[in-house]
Amino acid sequence: MSAPPDMSAAAITHRLHLCSALSDLDPARRLDAKLDMSPAGITRRLREAAALLELCRKLGAVGA
């Protein structure tokens, strides 16, 4: 069994600094990880939304 992680303020601050050093914190790219805005990503989401709309229409027709 391993020891629990050090939860002191200094240890947490150190881990946060390590994570920050590994990440891209450029403000221009802050949403990239949250939402793919490439043309392919947008097309993929639009196709998914259209397919879900069609499914909802079919389910609505069956239930009507």
Protein backbone atom coordinates (compact mmCIF):
# COMPACT_ATOMS: atom_id res chain seq x y z
CA MET A 1 0.00 0.00 0.00
CA SER A 2 1.43 3.38 -0.97
CA ALA A 3 1.45 6.43 1.23
CA PRO A 4 -1.20 9.09 0.57
CA PRO A 5 -0.02 12.10 -1.46
CA ASP A 6 1.37 15.09 0.37
CA MET A 7 -1.51 17.55 0.71
CA SER A 8 0.50 20.43 2.16
CA ALA A 9 0.14 23.83 0.52
CA ALA A 10 3.71 23.66 -0.78
CA ALA A 11 3.21 20.19 -2.32
CA ILE A 12 -0.06 21.18 -3.97
CA THR A 13 1.49 24.37 -5.32
CA HIS A 14 4.40 22.34 -6.69
CA ARG A 15 2.02 19.91 -8.46
CA LEU A 16 0.04 22.81 -9.93
CA HIS A 17 3.25 24.36 -11.28
CA LEU A 18 4.22 21.03 -12.84
CA CYS A 19 0.81 20.69 -14.51
CA SER A 20 0.94 24.27 -15.75
CA ALA A 21 4.38 23.71 -17.26
CA LEU A 22 3.01 20.74 -19.22
CA SER A 23 -0.06 22.54 -20.53
CA ASP A 24 -0.57 25.14 -23.24
CA LEU A 25 -1.87 28.19 -21.41
CA ASP A 26 -1.86 30.49 -24.45
CA PRO A 27 -5.10 32.53 -24.19
CA ALA A 28 -5.67 32.20 -27.95
CA ARG A 29 -5.93 28.43 -27.54
CA ARG A 30 -7.92 28.28 -24.29
CA LEU A 31 -11.03 26.81 -25.91
CA ASP A 32 -9.25 24.33 -28.18
CA ALA A 33 -9.37 21.59 -25.59
CA LYS A 34 -13.04 22.22 -24.94
CA LEU A 35 -14.42 22.41 -28.47
CA ASP A 36 -12.91 21.43 -31.80
CA MET A 37 -13.53 24.43 -34.07
CA SER A 38 -11.79 22.98 -37.11
CA PRO A 39 -13.95 22.63 -40.23
CA ALA A 40 -13.96 18.85 -39.76
CA GLY A 41 -15.02 19.19 -36.12
CA ILE A 42 -17.85 21.57 -36.96
CA THR A 43 -19.02 19.32 -39.81
CA ARG A 44 -18.95 16.30 -37.51
CA ARG A 45 -21.09 18.07 -34.89
CA LEU A 46 -23.57 19.32 -37.50
CA ARG A 47 -23.95 15.79 -38.91
CA GLU A 48 -24.47 14.41 -35.42
CA ALA A 49 -27.09 17.07 -34.66
CA ALA A 50 -28.89 16.33 -37.95
CA ALA A 51 -28.86 12.59 -37.23
CA LEU A 52 -30.25 13.17 -33.73
CA LEU A 53 -32.97 15.43 -35.13
CA GLU A 54 -33.93 12.77 -37.67
CA LEU A 55 -34.02 10.13 -34.92
CA CYS A 56 -36.26 12.36 -32.78
CA ARG A 57 -38.62 12.85 -35.73
CA LYS A 58 -38.80 9.10 -36.36
CA LEU A 59 -39.40 8.35 -32.68
CA GLY A 60 -42.07 11.05 -32.59
CA ALA A 61 -43.81 9.54 -35.62
CA VAL A 62 -43.78 6.07 -34.04
CA GLY A 63 -45.16 7.43 -30.78
CA ALA A 64 -47.86 9.58 -32.41
